[in-house]
Amino acid sequence: MIHKPSAGDASEPKWFKSSYSDSSSGNDCIEVATTPGTVHVRDSKNVTVPPFTVTFVAWAEFVNYASSH
């Protein structure tokens, strides 16, 4: 996975989309940002909605599950 940081100042999380995101469909993207101890996930089409936050363990389990299905 290649991180593609989004623009923003240093006080905001650095959001990125996976290089595996399907850019042919603008309806299927999420963005992820990490902070110490948490992973934040948001809808890239509506960044005004607050992201949800999970632990690194929960995120790793999700990614493992998603990559095998």
Protein backbone atom coordinates (compact mmCIF):
# COMPACT_ATOMS: atom_id res chain seq x y z
CA MET A 1 0.00 0.00 0.00
CA ILE A 2 1.27 3.43 -0.91
CA HIS A 3 0.22 6.37 1.24
CA LYS A 4 -1.07 9.40 -0.64
CA PRO A 5 -1.21 12.22 1.93
CA SER A 6 -3.87 14.87 1.58
CA ALA A 7 -3.26 18.57 2.00
CA GLY A 8 -3.67 20.12 5.43
CA ASP A 9 -1.75 21.91 8.11
CA ALA A 10 0.53 20.15 10.59
CA SER A 11 -2.09 20.18 13.37
CA GLU A 12 -4.53 18.00 11.39
CA PRO A 13 -4.19 14.26 10.88
CA LYS A 14 -2.48 13.24 7.65
CA TRP A 15 -5.23 11.46 5.69
CA PHE A 16 -4.43 8.99 2.93
CA LYS A 17 -6.14 6.61 0.55
CA SER A 18 -4.78 3.20 -0.23
CA SER A 19 -3.09 2.79 -3.59
CA TYR A 20 -5.52 -0.12 -3.96
CA SER A 21 -8.52 2.25 -3.95
CA ASP A 22 -10.49 2.00 -7.16
CA SER A 23 -10.12 5.48 -8.61
CA SER A 24 -12.51 4.62 -11.46
CA SER A 25 -15.39 4.81 -8.97
CA GLY A 26 -15.51 7.96 -6.89
CA ASN A 27 -18.15 6.31 -4.69
CA ASP A 28 -15.96 3.68 -3.04
CA CYS A 29 -13.17 5.50 -1.20
CA ILE A 30 -12.30 5.85 2.43
CA GLU A 31 -9.40 7.75 3.91
CA VAL A 32 -7.35 6.73 6.91
CA ALA A 33 -5.20 8.73 9.35
CA THR A 34 -3.17 7.41 12.25
CA THR A 35 -2.39 9.01 15.57
CA PRO A 36 -0.64 7.46 18.55
CA GLY A 37 -2.77 4.46 19.49
CA THR A 38 -5.64 4.99 17.04
CA VAL A 39 -6.67 4.75 13.42
CA HIS A 40 -9.25 7.23 12.11
CA VAL A 41 -11.44 6.32 9.13
CA ARG A 42 -13.63 8.68 7.10
CA ASP A 43 -15.63 8.82 3.89
CA SER A 44 -13.54 10.69 1.32
CA LYS A 45 -16.69 12.06 -0.33
CA ASN A 46 -17.97 13.71 2.84
CA VAL A 47 -15.07 14.77 5.05
CA THR A 48 -17.33 16.98 7.18
CA VAL A 49 -18.81 13.89 8.88
CA PRO A 50 -16.66 13.00 11.90
CA PRO A 51 -14.44 9.95 11.34
CA PHE A 52 -14.79 6.83 13.41
CA THR A 53 -11.82 5.69 15.44
CA VAL A 54 -10.51 2.19 16.15
CA THR A 55 -7.43 0.73 17.84
CA PHE A 56 -4.47 -0.47 15.78
CA VAL A 57 -5.35 -4.06 16.76
CA ALA A 58 -8.93 -3.69 15.51
CA TRP A 59 -7.73 -2.06 12.27
CA ALA A 60 -5.16 -4.80 11.66
CA GLU A 61 -7.81 -7.47 12.20
CA PHE A 62 -10.17 -5.70 9.78
CA VAL A 63 -7.48 -5.35 7.10
CA ASN A 64 -6.51 -9.00 7.52
CA TYR A 65 -10.15 -10.08 7.20
CA ALA A 66 -10.86 -7.79 4.23
CA SER A 67 -7.75 -8.87 2.33
CA SER A 68 -8.72 -12.53 2.58
CA HIS A 69 -12.29 -12.05 1.26
